[in-house]
């Protein structure tokens, strides 16, 4: 057995063409740029289509939810009909959807086009992982995964620059025309990729697919509604209530219940030896579940911080959208650089060591930001904090995806890609929703306590303003809202209280994210003690439990597991 392992280590790994990686990275940019461009182009879209900004937000949400809801199904469709062919069809449809966005004449057309693009990304995302798993091996595979992770922030930078420039010059629609051209390029280049054999005998678990979609949709709408519908008691903006209770927590609970039914269904299908919409062997060991936990926490923290930082720049500092775009470029670039170069650390440090250090860096950066943010953006400590945050975030996201993929057999690469996409979108949506609800709730508390400490603010004015439905407002917006209610001294005091409360709410929110990052060190220490350089070729045996026993005589199946995982598997075996 040791001779076999030595031979495996000694065997040279031939490098393959980077064409597949070029297609993977450019397609990821195509998918990510589309969402970022909508955000940057919001002002132009609302003017051209005569629609409120919330309609653009609804379109973005529709695409994200559609992708998350159907991505597990997308992985199986790719396996059933062949990843390359399904990928090519999906890229073409995405290009058509981008053309429809560019030609949109109504909010409904924009909504349908964006929802369609999200649905086809559910077919694209698993295929990207399959292309990397089948084309690259060893260190080359690590670099390829790092570049795939780096493509997301790269798309963000391009959207900030190109879409922002287009929106201010030739028009926002040209950003999506550019995506149509990129789709054509990706489609043409994809014919140079080697075919991934289809599995025509594979039957699709439609019940599992429906359960997964329902759970994701319920969770997504539930978490998204926390800030507007109410965390517990229903607000006036809630579409309905149950005995005064907000629908948001009820949808979250319903989503968790359906999620448990989904995993029970998967285990039942496994016991019966029937195909499943998601193979639980992707999460077969404690270390693989720890990898998922680290991925979810980092994406939660990253997207929440990515929401709070522009909020700080635009509301606290009163900067414009284009100024905000340029201000966060150092943060986005640091994510890109860390995602690209973290692979160089794989040979010297274990995944658990890199992840633990990364979370310490993220927590330190958020703490630095919390104690140094104020009204001036030129402060060097703020910029340094953003760069540190990006470096830690980019390194962790690339690492956990790489480690999870290298722990799974090649046959499950599509499931790994689908799981990564599901965790990415769901954690991101939850991160923004929870950060918003927490920050607004903290703002309400601080506004009430601040108003009570200022005798010049009358009890009548406090009673007229619904503090429980407070939101982050600039000084000008608050002055306009209170113009007919407050006298000169009252208005001045209210503006001062609001300025202090909104800054403190953001500081406390950043400290909360820092604390969560430190807690993530616990699952990080459960990550593998070393990383596989090569994906195993065969599947493990499976049973009704997600922790599957392993053949201890197969050295390939043991490589990459932590000592704790080996002890657990040996005891089970």
Protein backbone atom coordinates (compact mmCIF):
# COMPACT_ATOMS: atom_id res chain seq x y z
CA UNK A 1 0.00 0.00 0.00
CA UNK A 2 2.84 2.42 0.84
CA UNK A 3 4.57 1.61 -2.48
CA UNK A 4 1.39 2.55 -4.30
CA UNK A 5 1.21 5.86 -2.42
CA UNK A 6 4.89 6.60 -3.16
CA UNK A 7 4.38 5.87 -6.82
CA UNK A 8 1.39 8.18 -6.87
CA UNK A 9 3.37 10.98 -5.29
CA UNK A 10 6.37 10.48 -7.56
CA UNK A 11 4.41 10.33 -10.81
CA UNK A 12 4.71 13.60 -12.74
CA UNK A 13 1.47 15.44 -13.45
CA UNK A 14 1.27 16.69 -17.02
CA UNK A 15 0.02 20.21 -17.48
CA UNK A 16 -2.94 20.71 -19.76
CA UNK A 17 -4.08 23.64 -21.87
CA UNK A 18 -5.50 26.67 -20.09
CA UNK A 19 -8.34 26.93 -22.65
CA UNK A 20 -10.80 25.29 -20.27
CA UNK A 21 -9.85 27.72 -17.51
CA UNK A 22 -10.23 30.69 -19.87
CA UNK A 23 -13.76 29.55 -20.68
CA UNK A 24 -14.53 28.91 -17.00
CA UNK A 25 -13.27 32.31 -15.82
CA UNK A 26 -14.89 34.28 -18.65
CA UNK A 27 -18.21 32.50 -18.12
CA UNK A 28 -18.10 33.21 -14.38
CA UNK A 29 -17.45 36.87 -15.22
CA UNK A 30 -20.38 36.78 -17.65
CA UNK A 31 -22.71 35.48 -14.94
CA UNK A 32 -21.45 37.71 -12.11
CA UNK A 33 -21.10 40.89 -14.18
CA UNK A 34 -24.78 40.76 -15.09
CA UNK A 35 -25.88 41.04 -11.45
CA UNK A 36 -23.33 43.72 -10.54
CA UNK A 37 -24.20 45.76 -13.61
CA UNK A 38 -27.86 45.91 -12.57
CA UNK A 39 -26.85 47.37 -9.21
CA UNK A 40 -24.50 49.96 -10.72
CA UNK A 41 -27.04 50.89 -13.43
CA UNK A 42 -29.95 51.31 -11.04
CA UNK A 43 -30.36 55.07 -11.60
CA UNK A 44 -30.52 54.72 -15.40
CA UNK A 45 -32.89 51.77 -15.27
CA UNK A 46 -35.34 53.49 -12.94
CA UNK A 47 -35.39 56.56 -15.21
CA UNK A 48 -35.72 54.70 -18.53
CA UNK A 49 -38.36 52.23 -17.36
CA UNK A 50 -40.14 54.70 -15.05
CA UNK A 51 -39.99 52.29 -12.14
CA UNK A 52 -38.86 52.57 -8.51
CA UNK A 53 -35.50 51.21 -7.42
CA UNK A 54 -37.26 48.42 -5.55
CA UNK A 55 -38.25 46.92 -8.92
CA UNK A 56 -34.58 46.60 -9.87
CA UNK A 57 -33.92 45.00 -6.50
CA UNK A 58 -36.78 42.58 -7.15
CA UNK A 59 -35.25 41.63 -10.51
CA UNK A 60 -31.85 40.99 -8.89
CA UNK A 61 -33.49 38.90 -6.17
CA UNK A 62 -35.47 36.93 -8.75
CA UNK A 63 -32.28 35.92 -10.55
CA UNK A 64 -30.49 34.95 -7.33
CA UNK A 65 -33.43 32.93 -6.01
CA UNK A 66 -33.91 31.13 -9.34
CA UNK A 67 -30.25 30.15 -9.44
CA UNK A 68 -30.20 28.91 -5.84
CA UNK A 69 -33.51 27.06 -6.17
CA UNK A 70 -32.61 25.06 -9.28
CA UNK A 71 -28.84 24.59 -9.03
CA UNK A 72 -29.05 21.05 -7.58
CA UNK A 73 -31.31 20.10 -10.47
CA UNK A 74 -28.90 21.82 -12.87
CA UNK A 75 -26.05 19.56 -11.76
CA UNK A 76 -28.06 16.42 -12.51
CA UNK A 77 -29.25 17.73 -15.87
CA UNK A 78 -25.61 18.30 -16.81
CA UNK A 79 -24.66 14.76 -15.76
CA UNK A 80 -27.65 13.27 -17.58
CA UNK A 81 -27.14 14.98 -20.94
CA UNK A 82 -23.42 15.85 -20.83
CA UNK A 83 -21.91 18.87 -19.11
CA UNK A 84 -20.45 20.48 -22.24
CA UNK A 85 -23.65 20.36 -24.29
CA UNK A 86 -25.82 21.60 -21.42
CA UNK A 87 -23.27 24.34 -20.70
CA UNK A 88 -23.35 25.54 -24.32
CA UNK A 89 -27.14 25.69 -24.39
CA UNK A 90 -27.19 27.54 -21.04
CA UNK A 91 -24.56 30.08 -22.16
CA UNK A 92 -26.57 30.78 -25.31
CA UNK A 93 -29.81 31.24 -23.32
CA UNK A 94 -28.01 33.51 -20.86
CA UNK A 95 -26.82 35.64 -23.77
CA UNK A 96 -30.39 35.91 -25.05
CA UNK A 97 -31.56 36.87 -21.55
CA UNK A 98 -28.91 39.62 -21.42
CA UNK A 99 -30.14 40.87 -24.81
CA UNK A 100 -33.67 41.00 -23.39
CA UNK A 101 -32.38 43.02 -20.41
CA UNK A 102 -30.69 45.44 -22.82
CA UNK A 103 -33.93 45.79 -24.82
CA UNK A 104 -36.26 45.94 -21.80
CA UNK A 105 -39.16 48.35 -22.17
CA UNK A 106 -40.95 47.52 -18.91
CA UNK A 107 -40.16 46.29 -15.39
CA UNK A 108 -41.94 43.01 -16.20
CA UNK A 109 -39.64 42.33 -19.14
CA UNK A 110 -36.60 43.11 -16.98
CA UNK A 111 -37.89 40.79 -14.24
CA UNK A 112 -38.53 37.87 -16.61
CA UNK A 113 -35.16 38.27 -18.34
CA UNK A 114 -33.24 38.38 -15.07
CA UNK A 115 -35.15 35.42 -13.61
CA UNK A 116 -34.38 33.44 -16.78
CA UNK A 117 -30.69 34.29 -16.52
CA UNK A 118 -30.63 33.07 -12.92
CA UNK A 119 -32.29 29.80 -13.89
CA UNK A 120 -29.71 29.03 -16.60
CA UNK A 121 -26.82 29.94 -14.29
CA UNK A 122 -28.06 26.94 -12.29
CA UNK A 123 -26.94 24.89 -15.32
CA UNK A 124 -23.70 26.81 -15.85
CA UNK A 125 -22.26 26.82 -12.32
CA UNK A 126 -21.98 23.01 -11.82
CA UNK A 127 -20.48 22.64 -15.30
CA UNK A 128 -17.65 25.06 -14.45
CA UNK A 129 -16.59 22.80 -11.58
CA UNK A 130 -16.79 19.72 -13.79
CA UNK A 131 -14.53 21.36 -16.40
CA UNK A 132 -11.89 22.09 -13.77
CA UNK A 133 -12.11 18.61 -12.25
CA UNK A 134 -11.76 16.89 -15.64
CA UNK A 135 -9.08 19.13 -17.16
CA UNK A 136 -6.73 20.00 -14.30
CA UNK A 137 -4.87 17.99 -11.70
CA UNK A 138 -2.53 18.55 -8.78
CA UNK A 139 -1.16 22.10 -8.27
CA UNK A 140 -2.63 23.21 -11.60
CA UNK A 141 -6.08 22.33 -10.29
CA UNK A 142 -5.50 24.45 -7.17
CA UNK A 143 -4.55 27.45 -9.28
CA UNK A 144 -7.56 26.91 -11.54
CA UNK A 145 -9.97 26.87 -8.60
CA UNK A 146 -8.34 30.01 -7.19
CA UNK A 147 -8.87 31.80 -10.49
CA UNK A 148 -12.49 30.63 -10.63
CA UNK A 149 -13.06 32.11 -7.17
CA UNK A 150 -11.20 35.27 -8.23
CA UNK A 151 -13.48 35.70 -11.25
CA UNK A 152 -16.36 36.82 -9.01
CA UNK A 153 -14.60 39.88 -7.50
CA UNK A 154 -12.99 40.54 -10.90
CA UNK A 155 -16.48 40.78 -12.36
CA UNK A 156 -17.37 43.17 -9.54
CA UNK A 157 -14.46 45.46 -10.38
CA UNK A 158 -15.31 45.38 -14.09
CA UNK A 159 -18.93 46.17 -13.32
CA UNK A 160 -17.94 49.10 -11.12
CA UNK A 161 -15.72 50.52 -13.85
CA UNK A 162 -17.36 49.56 -17.15
CA UNK A 163 -21.03 49.55 -16.14
CA UNK A 164 -20.54 52.77 -14.17
CA UNK A 165 -18.84 54.40 -17.15
CA UNK A 166 -21.46 53.15 -19.63
CA UNK A 167 -24.28 54.36 -17.37
CA UNK A 168 -22.81 57.86 -17.28
CA UNK A 169 -21.92 58.05 -21.01
CA UNK A 170 -23.49 55.87 -23.70
CA UNK A 171 -26.23 54.33 -21.54
CA UNK A 172 -26.73 51.44 -19.11
CA UNK A 173 -28.07 49.09 -21.81
CA UNK A 174 -24.62 48.72 -23.40
CA UNK A 175 -23.35 46.86 -20.33
CA UNK A 176 -25.70 44.01 -21.18
CA UNK A 177 -24.94 44.21 -24.90
CA UNK A 178 -21.32 43.61 -23.85
CA UNK A 179 -22.47 40.46 -22.00
CA UNK A 180 -24.17 39.25 -25.18
CA UNK A 181 -20.85 39.55 -27.00
CA UNK A 182 -19.05 37.72 -24.18
CA UNK A 183 -21.63 34.93 -24.34
CA UNK A 184 -20.90 34.49 -28.05
CA UNK A 185 -17.15 34.31 -27.36
CA UNK A 186 -17.63 31.77 -24.56
CA UNK A 187 -19.92 29.67 -26.73
CA UNK A 188 -17.39 29.57 -29.58
CA UNK A 189 -14.45 28.76 -27.28
CA UNK A 190 -16.41 26.00 -25.53
CA UNK A 191 -16.28 23.86 -28.66
CA UNK A 192 -12.56 23.44 -27.96
CA UNK A 193 -13.28 21.75 -24.61
CA UNK A 194 -13.18 17.99 -24.41
CA UNK A 195 -16.55 16.34 -24.00
CA UNK A 196 -17.61 15.10 -20.58
CA UNK A 197 -19.42 11.75 -21.12
CA UNK A 198 -23.15 11.89 -20.54
CA UNK A 199 -24.94 9.43 -18.29
CA UNK A 200 -28.04 8.59 -20.33
CA UNK A 201 -29.15 6.00 -17.79
CA UNK A 202 -29.25 8.54 -14.97
CA UNK A 203 -32.75 9.20 -13.70
CA UNK A 204 -33.46 12.55 -12.05
CA UNK A 205 -34.95 12.72 -8.58
CA UNK A 206 -37.71 15.21 -9.30
CA UNK A 207 -39.23 15.00 -5.82
CA UNK A 208 -35.88 15.90 -4.29
CA UNK A 209 -35.48 18.76 -6.78
CA UNK A 210 -38.88 20.20 -5.86
CA UNK A 211 -38.20 19.88 -2.12
CA UNK A 212 -34.84 21.64 -2.52
CA UNK A 213 -36.37 24.46 -4.59
CA UNK A 214 -39.23 25.00 -2.13
CA UNK A 215 -36.86 25.05 0.87
CA UNK A 216 -34.51 27.55 -0.80
CA UNK A 217 -37.36 29.84 -1.91
CA UNK A 218 -38.98 29.83 1.54
CA UNK A 219 -35.66 30.58 3.27
CA UNK A 220 -34.72 33.26 0.76
CA UNK A 221 -38.01 35.14 0.97
CA UNK A 222 -38.14 34.70 4.75
CA UNK A 223 -34.68 36.11 5.40
CA UNK A 224 -35.11 38.85 2.79
CA UNK A 225 -38.28 40.03 4.51
CA UNK A 226 -36.79 40.37 7.99
CA UNK A 227 -35.87 44.04 7.64
CA UNK A 228 -39.09 45.22 5.94
CA UNK A 229 -41.76 42.81 7.19
CA UNK A 230 -40.48 42.62 10.75
CA UNK A 231 -38.19 40.26 12.61
CA UNK A 232 -41.07 39.05 14.79
CA UNK A 233 -44.02 41.45 14.86
CA UNK A 234 -45.44 42.39 11.46
CA UNK A 235 -44.83 45.92 10.19
CA UNK A 236 -47.15 47.92 7.96
CA UNK A 237 -45.11 46.78 4.94
CA UNK A 238 -45.76 43.07 5.56
CA UNK A 239 -48.03 41.49 2.90
CA UNK A 240 -49.92 39.62 5.65
CA UNK A 241 -49.59 38.60 9.28
CA UNK A 242 -50.59 35.67 11.46
CA UNK A 243 -51.95 36.95 14.78
CA UNK A 244 -49.71 39.98 14.37
CA UNK A 245 -46.61 37.88 13.69
CA UNK A 246 -44.49 38.81 10.67
CA UNK A 247 -44.49 36.33 7.76
CA UNK A 248 -40.66 36.51 7.61
CA UNK A 249 -39.87 34.23 10.60
CA UNK A 250 -42.73 31.92 9.63
CA UNK A 251 -41.26 31.46 6.15
CA UNK A 252 -37.80 30.82 7.65
CA UNK A 253 -39.23 28.15 9.96
CA UNK A 254 -41.16 26.59 7.07
CA UNK A 255 -37.98 26.57 4.96
CA UNK A 256 -36.02 24.83 7.70
CA UNK A 257 -38.75 22.20 8.04
CA UNK A 258 -38.83 21.55 4.30
CA UNK A 259 -35.03 21.42 4.35
CA UNK A 260 -35.11 18.67 6.96
CA UNK A 261 -37.67 16.79 4.85
CA UNK A 262 -35.31 17.18 1.88
CA UNK A 263 -32.35 15.61 3.68
CA UNK A 264 -34.56 12.83 5.08
CA UNK A 265 -35.70 12.14 1.52
CA UNK A 266 -32.09 11.93 0.33
CA UNK A 267 -31.20 9.45 3.07
CA UNK A 268 -34.25 7.36 2.23
CA UNK A 269 -33.32 7.29 -1.47
CA UNK A 270 -29.79 6.28 -0.44
CA UNK A 271 -31.06 3.34 1.62
CA UNK A 272 -33.18 2.21 -1.33
CA UNK A 273 -30.26 2.54 -3.76
CA UNK A 274 -32.13 5.06 -5.92
CA UNK A 275 -30.70 8.18 -7.61
CA UNK A 276 -30.73 11.39 -5.56
CA UNK A 277 -30.82 15.01 -6.64
CA UNK A 278 -27.79 15.64 -4.41
CA UNK A 279 -25.25 13.02 -3.36
CA UNK A 280 -24.64 13.20 0.39
CA UNK A 281 -21.17 11.75 -0.11
CA UNK A 282 -20.09 15.32 -0.86
CA UNK A 283 -20.64 15.86 2.89
CA UNK A 284 -19.57 12.38 3.97
CA UNK A 285 -17.19 13.32 6.80
CA UNK A 286 -17.00 15.78 9.62
CA UNK A 287 -14.21 17.64 7.87
CA UNK A 288 -16.31 18.11 4.72
CA UNK A 289 -19.20 19.47 6.76
CA UNK A 290 -16.72 21.78 8.52
CA UNK A 291 -15.57 23.02 5.10
CA UNK A 292 -19.20 23.85 4.24
CA UNK A 293 -19.65 25.65 7.56
CA UNK A 294 -16.54 27.76 6.92
CA UNK A 295 -17.75 28.54 3.39
CA UNK A 296 -21.20 29.57 4.62
CA UNK A 297 -19.86 31.75 7.45
CA UNK A 298 -17.32 33.51 5.26
CA UNK A 299 -19.88 34.22 2.54
CA UNK A 300 -22.35 35.41 5.17
CA UNK A 301 -19.77 37.76 6.72
CA UNK A 302 -18.40 38.87 3.34
CA UNK A 303 -21.75 39.77 1.77
CA UNK A 304 -22.93 41.46 4.98
CA UNK A 305 -19.76 43.57 5.09
CA UNK A 306 -20.11 44.28 1.37
CA UNK A 307 -23.57 45.68 2.15
CA UNK A 308 -22.56 47.68 5.23
CA UNK A 309 -19.51 49.31 3.63
CA UNK A 310 -21.41 51.03 0.76
CA UNK A 311 -24.12 51.92 3.28
CA UNK A 312 -21.45 53.62 5.40
CA UNK A 313 -19.99 55.49 2.41
CA UNK A 314 -23.28 56.65 0.92
CA UNK A 315 -25.36 57.35 4.04
CA UNK A 316 -22.85 58.29 6.74
CA UNK A 317 -20.44 60.10 4.42
CA UNK A 318 -23.01 61.19 1.83
CA UNK A 319 -20.90 60.11 -1.16
CA UNK A 320 -22.36 59.44 -4.62
CA UNK A 321 -22.71 56.02 -6.24
CA UNK A 322 -19.70 56.52 -8.51
CA UNK A 323 -17.59 57.69 -5.57
CA UNK A 324 -18.71 54.59 -3.68
CA UNK A 325 -17.68 52.40 -6.61
CA UNK A 326 -14.15 53.78 -6.66
CA UNK A 327 -13.86 53.72 -2.87
CA UNK A 328 -14.44 49.96 -2.59
CA UNK A 329 -12.19 48.99 -5.50
CA UNK A 330 -9.18 48.34 -3.17
CA UNK A 331 -11.37 45.94 -1.17
CA UNK A 332 -12.58 44.12 -4.29
CA UNK A 333 -9.09 43.94 -5.79
CA UNK A 334 -7.70 42.44 -2.58
CA UNK A 335 -10.32 39.66 -2.79
CA UNK A 336 -9.23 39.00 -6.37
CA UNK A 337 -5.53 38.87 -5.48
CA UNK A 338 -6.02 36.62 -2.45
CA UNK A 339 -8.24 34.21 -4.42
CA UNK A 340 -5.62 34.03 -7.16
CA UNK A 341 -2.48 33.53 -5.07
CA UNK A 342 -3.69 31.53 -2.06
CA UNK A 343 -2.90 28.34 -4.03
CA UNK A 344 0.81 29.09 -3.54
CA UNK A 345 0.33 28.40 0.19
CA UNK A 346 -1.17 24.92 -0.23
CA UNK A 347 2.18 23.16 -0.30
CA UNK A 348 3.44 24.80 2.91
CA UNK A 349 0.38 25.06 5.16
CA UNK A 350 -2.60 22.81 5.91
CA UNK A 351 -6.16 23.88 5.04
CA UNK A 352 -7.08 24.16 8.72
CA UNK A 353 -4.09 26.46 9.36
CA UNK A 354 -4.85 28.72 6.37
CA UNK A 355 -8.57 28.91 7.20
CA UNK A 356 -7.95 29.66 10.89
CA UNK A 357 -5.44 32.39 10.04
CA UNK A 358 -7.83 33.78 7.41
CA UNK A 359 -10.68 34.13 9.89
CA UNK A 360 -8.35 35.86 12.36
CA UNK A 361 -7.40 38.33 9.59
CA UNK A 362 -11.08 38.91 8.73
CA UNK A 363 -12.01 39.46 12.39
CA UNK A 364 -9.07 41.83 12.88
CA UNK A 365 -10.00 43.80 9.76
CA UNK A 366 -13.64 44.17 10.82
CA UNK A 367 -12.59 45.22 14.32
CA UNK A 368 -10.20 47.78 12.85
CA UNK A 369 -13.00 49.15 10.68
CA UNK A 370 -15.43 49.29 13.61
CA UNK A 371 -13.08 51.37 15.74
CA UNK A 372 -11.83 53.69 13.00
CA UNK A 373 -14.78 54.48 10.71
CA UNK A 374 -15.99 58.05 10.96
CA UNK A 375 -17.03 60.76 8.54
CA UNK A 376 -13.86 60.97 6.44
CA UNK A 377 -13.03 58.31 3.86
CA UNK A 378 -9.41 59.45 3.49
CA UNK A 379 -8.48 57.86 6.81
CA UNK A 380 -5.70 55.34 6.13
CA UNK A 381 -6.83 52.85 8.75
CA UNK A 382 -10.20 52.44 7.02
CA UNK A 383 -8.59 51.64 3.67
CA UNK A 384 -6.13 49.27 5.39
CA UNK A 385 -9.04 47.53 7.11
CA UNK A 386 -10.86 47.03 3.81
CA UNK A 387 -7.75 45.59 2.14
CA UNK A 388 -7.17 43.19 5.05
CA UNK A 389 -10.81 42.14 4.92
CA UNK A 390 -10.58 41.41 1.20
CA UNK A 391 -7.38 39.41 1.58
CA UNK A 392 -8.84 37.20 4.29
CA UNK A 393 -12.17 36.78 2.53
CA UNK A 394 -10.65 35.93 -0.86
CA UNK A 395 -8.21 33.40 0.60
CA UNK A 396 -10.88 31.56 2.60
CA UNK A 397 -13.46 31.38 -0.20
CA UNK A 398 -10.94 29.95 -2.68
CA UNK A 399 -9.47 27.57 -0.08
CA UNK A 400 -12.73 26.01 1.10
CA UNK A 401 -13.97 25.40 -2.44
CA UNK A 402 -10.64 23.88 -3.44
CA UNK A 403 -10.54 21.65 -0.36
CA UNK A 404 -14.12 20.47 -0.79
CA UNK A 405 -13.58 19.65 -4.46
CA UNK A 406 -10.32 17.82 -3.81
CA UNK A 407 -12.05 15.70 -1.15
CA UNK A 408 -14.74 14.40 -3.51
CA UNK A 409 -14.49 11.81 -6.30
CA UNK A 410 -14.52 13.13 -9.86
CA UNK A 411 -17.99 11.70 -10.42
CA UNK A 412 -19.32 14.11 -7.80
CA UNK A 413 -17.69 17.26 -9.22
CA UNK A 414 -21.06 18.49 -10.49
CA UNK A 415 -22.62 17.98 -7.05
CA UNK A 416 -19.72 19.89 -5.47
CA UNK A 417 -20.23 22.77 -7.91
CA UNK A 418 -23.97 22.79 -7.27
CA UNK A 419 -23.45 22.73 -3.50
CA UNK A 420 -20.94 25.56 -3.76
CA UNK A 421 -23.40 27.64 -5.79
CA UNK A 422 -26.27 26.90 -3.40
CA UNK A 423 -24.24 27.79 -0.30
CA UNK A 424 -22.83 30.89 -2.04
CA UNK A 425 -26.20 32.34 -3.00
CA UNK A 426 -28.14 31.34 0.09
CA UNK A 427 -25.45 32.48 2.53
CA UNK A 428 -25.06 35.74 0.62
CA UNK A 429 -28.79 36.47 0.66
CA UNK A 430 -29.05 35.59 4.34
CA UNK A 431 -25.98 37.70 5.15
CA UNK A 432 -27.43 40.84 3.60
CA UNK A 433 -30.87 40.25 5.12
CA UNK A 434 -29.63 39.56 8.66
CA UNK A 435 -27.09 42.42 8.55
CA UNK A 436 -29.86 44.79 7.44
CA UNK A 437 -32.27 43.64 10.14
CA UNK A 438 -29.58 43.78 12.84
CA UNK A 439 -28.27 47.20 11.81
CA UNK A 440 -31.77 48.70 11.54
CA UNK A 441 -32.80 47.18 14.89
CA UNK A 442 -29.68 48.61 16.53
CA UNK A 443 -30.39 51.97 14.88
CA UNK A 444 -33.93 52.01 16.34
CA UNK A 445 -32.62 51.32 19.85
CA UNK A 446 -29.93 54.00 19.61
CA UNK A 447 -32.33 56.57 18.15
CA UNK A 448 -34.81 56.06 20.97
CA UNK A 449 -32.17 56.28 23.71
CA UNK A 450 -30.52 59.28 22.04
CA UNK A 451 -33.80 61.15 21.65
CA UNK A 452 -34.66 60.59 25.30
CA UNK A 453 -31.32 62.07 26.35
CA UNK A 454 -32.01 65.35 24.50
CA UNK A 455 -34.60 67.46 26.33
CA UNK A 456 -34.99 69.73 23.30
CA UNK A 457 -36.63 66.83 21.44
CA UNK A 458 -40.22 66.77 22.68
CA UNK A 459 -42.17 63.65 23.58
CA UNK A 460 -44.73 64.65 20.96
CA UNK A 461 -42.12 64.51 18.20
CA UNK A 462 -40.90 61.11 19.40
CA UNK A 463 -44.49 59.84 19.40
CA UNK A 464 -45.07 61.11 15.86
CA UNK A 465 -42.05 59.24 14.47
CA UNK A 466 -42.28 55.44 14.36
CA UNK A 467 -38.87 54.56 15.78
CA UNK A 468 -39.52 50.83 15.27
CA UNK A 469 -39.58 51.38 11.51
CA UNK A 470 -36.41 53.48 11.41
CA UNK A 471 -34.07 53.30 8.46
CA UNK A 472 -30.66 54.68 7.54
CA UNK A 473 -31.22 58.24 6.30
CA UNK A 474 -28.83 61.00 5.33
CA UNK A 475 -29.06 64.34 7.14
CA UNK A 476 -30.87 65.84 4.15
CA UNK A 477 -33.43 63.01 4.01
CA UNK A 478 -34.13 63.29 7.73
CA UNK A 479 -34.50 67.07 7.50
CA UNK A 480 -37.02 66.68 4.69
CA UNK A 481 -38.97 64.06 6.66
CA UNK A 482 -39.17 66.20 9.83
CA UNK A 483 -39.50 69.59 8.19
CA UNK A 484 -43.20 69.97 8.98
CA UNK A 485 -42.97 68.37 12.45
CA UNK A 486 -39.88 69.79 14.15
CA UNK A 487 -38.81 73.32 15.08
CA UNK A 488 -35.28 74.62 14.45
CA UNK A 489 -33.65 73.42 17.72
CA UNK A 490 -35.55 70.13 17.61
CA UNK A 491 -34.49 69.49 14.01
CA UNK A 492 -30.85 70.23 14.80
CA UNK A 493 -30.93 67.88 17.79
CA UNK A 494 -32.69 65.14 15.77
CA UNK A 495 -30.06 65.36 13.01
CA UNK A 496 -27.27 65.11 15.60
CA UNK A 497 -28.91 62.09 17.27
CA UNK A 498 -29.45 60.40 13.89
CA UNK A 499 -25.84 61.01 12.81
CA UNK A 500 -24.47 59.48 16.01
CA UNK A 501 -26.94 56.57 16.03
CA UNK A 502 -26.37 55.47 12.44
CA UNK A 503 -22.58 55.51 12.89
CA UNK A 504 -22.78 53.56 16.15
CA UNK A 505 -25.20 51.04 14.60
CA UNK A 506 -22.73 50.37 11.79
CA UNK A 507 -19.86 50.03 14.27
CA UNK A 508 -21.76 47.50 16.39
CA UNK A 509 -22.79 45.57 13.26
CA UNK A 510 -19.15 45.33 12.13
CA UNK A 511 -18.11 44.14 15.60
CA UNK A 512 -20.85 41.49 15.45
CA UNK A 513 -19.46 40.22 12.14
CA UNK A 514 -15.96 40.19 13.68
CA UNK A 515 -17.22 38.03 16.55
CA UNK A 516 -18.86 35.63 14.09
CA UNK A 517 -15.57 35.38 12.18
CA UNK A 518 -13.75 34.38 15.37
CA UNK A 519 -16.40 31.73 16.08
CA UNK A 520 -15.72 30.32 12.60
CA UNK A 521 -12.29 29.22 13.81
CA UNK A 522 -14.07 26.30 15.54
CA UNK A 523 -15.18 24.61 12.28
CA UNK A 524 -11.93 25.74 10.63
CA UNK A 525 -9.96 23.52 13.03
CA UNK A 526 -12.07 20.58 11.82
CA UNK A 527 -10.98 21.05 8.21
CA UNK A 528 -8.57 18.47 6.73
CA UNK A 529 -5.02 18.38 8.07
CA UNK A 530 -3.77 18.16 4.49
CA UNK A 531 -5.19 18.69 1.02
CA UNK A 532 -5.46 16.16 -1.78
CA UNK A 533 -3.55 17.06 -4.93
CA UNK A 534 -5.75 14.77 -6.99
CA UNK A 535 -9.42 13.85 -6.93
CA UNK A 536 -10.12 10.16 -6.21
CA UNK A 537 -11.43 8.21 -9.12
CA UNK A 538 -14.11 6.10 -7.45
CA UNK A 539 -17.10 6.60 -5.22
CA UNK A 540 -17.35 5.50 -1.61
CA UNK A 541 -20.00 3.01 -0.49
CA UNK A 542 -23.09 4.73 0.84
CA UNK A 543 -25.78 4.03 3.41
CA UNK A 544 -28.58 5.90 5.09
CA UNK A 545 -26.25 8.12 7.08
CA UNK A 546 -24.24 11.00 5.57
CA UNK A 547 -21.14 9.70 7.39
CA UNK A 548 -20.32 6.75 5.14
CA UNK A 549 -17.88 3.99 6.10
CA UNK A 550 -14.69 3.81 4.02
CA UNK A 551 -12.49 0.99 2.80
CA UNK A 552 -9.38 1.37 4.95
CA UNK A 553 -7.32 -0.56 2.41
CA UNK A 554 -7.76 2.10 -0.24
CA UNK A 555 -5.01 4.66 0.29
CA UNK A 556 -6.55 7.10 -2.18
CA UNK A 557 -9.72 7.32 -0.11
CA UNK A 558 -7.76 8.09 3.07
CA UNK A 559 -5.59 10.81 1.58
CA UNK A 560 -6.68 14.28 2.61
CA UNK A 561 -8.66 13.28 5.72
CA UNK A 562 -7.87 14.63 9.15
CA UNK A 563 -6.86 12.32 12.00
CA UNK A 564 -10.22 12.88 13.66
CA UNK A 565 -12.02 11.79 10.49
CA UNK A 566 -9.83 8.68 10.19
CA UNK A 567 -10.55 7.74 13.79
CA UNK A 568 -14.27 8.18 13.21
CA UNK A 569 -14.29 6.18 9.99
CA UNK A 570 -12.13 3.42 11.45
CA UNK A 571 -14.53 3.09 14.37
CA UNK A 572 -17.47 2.88 11.96
CA UNK A 573 -15.68 0.37 9.74
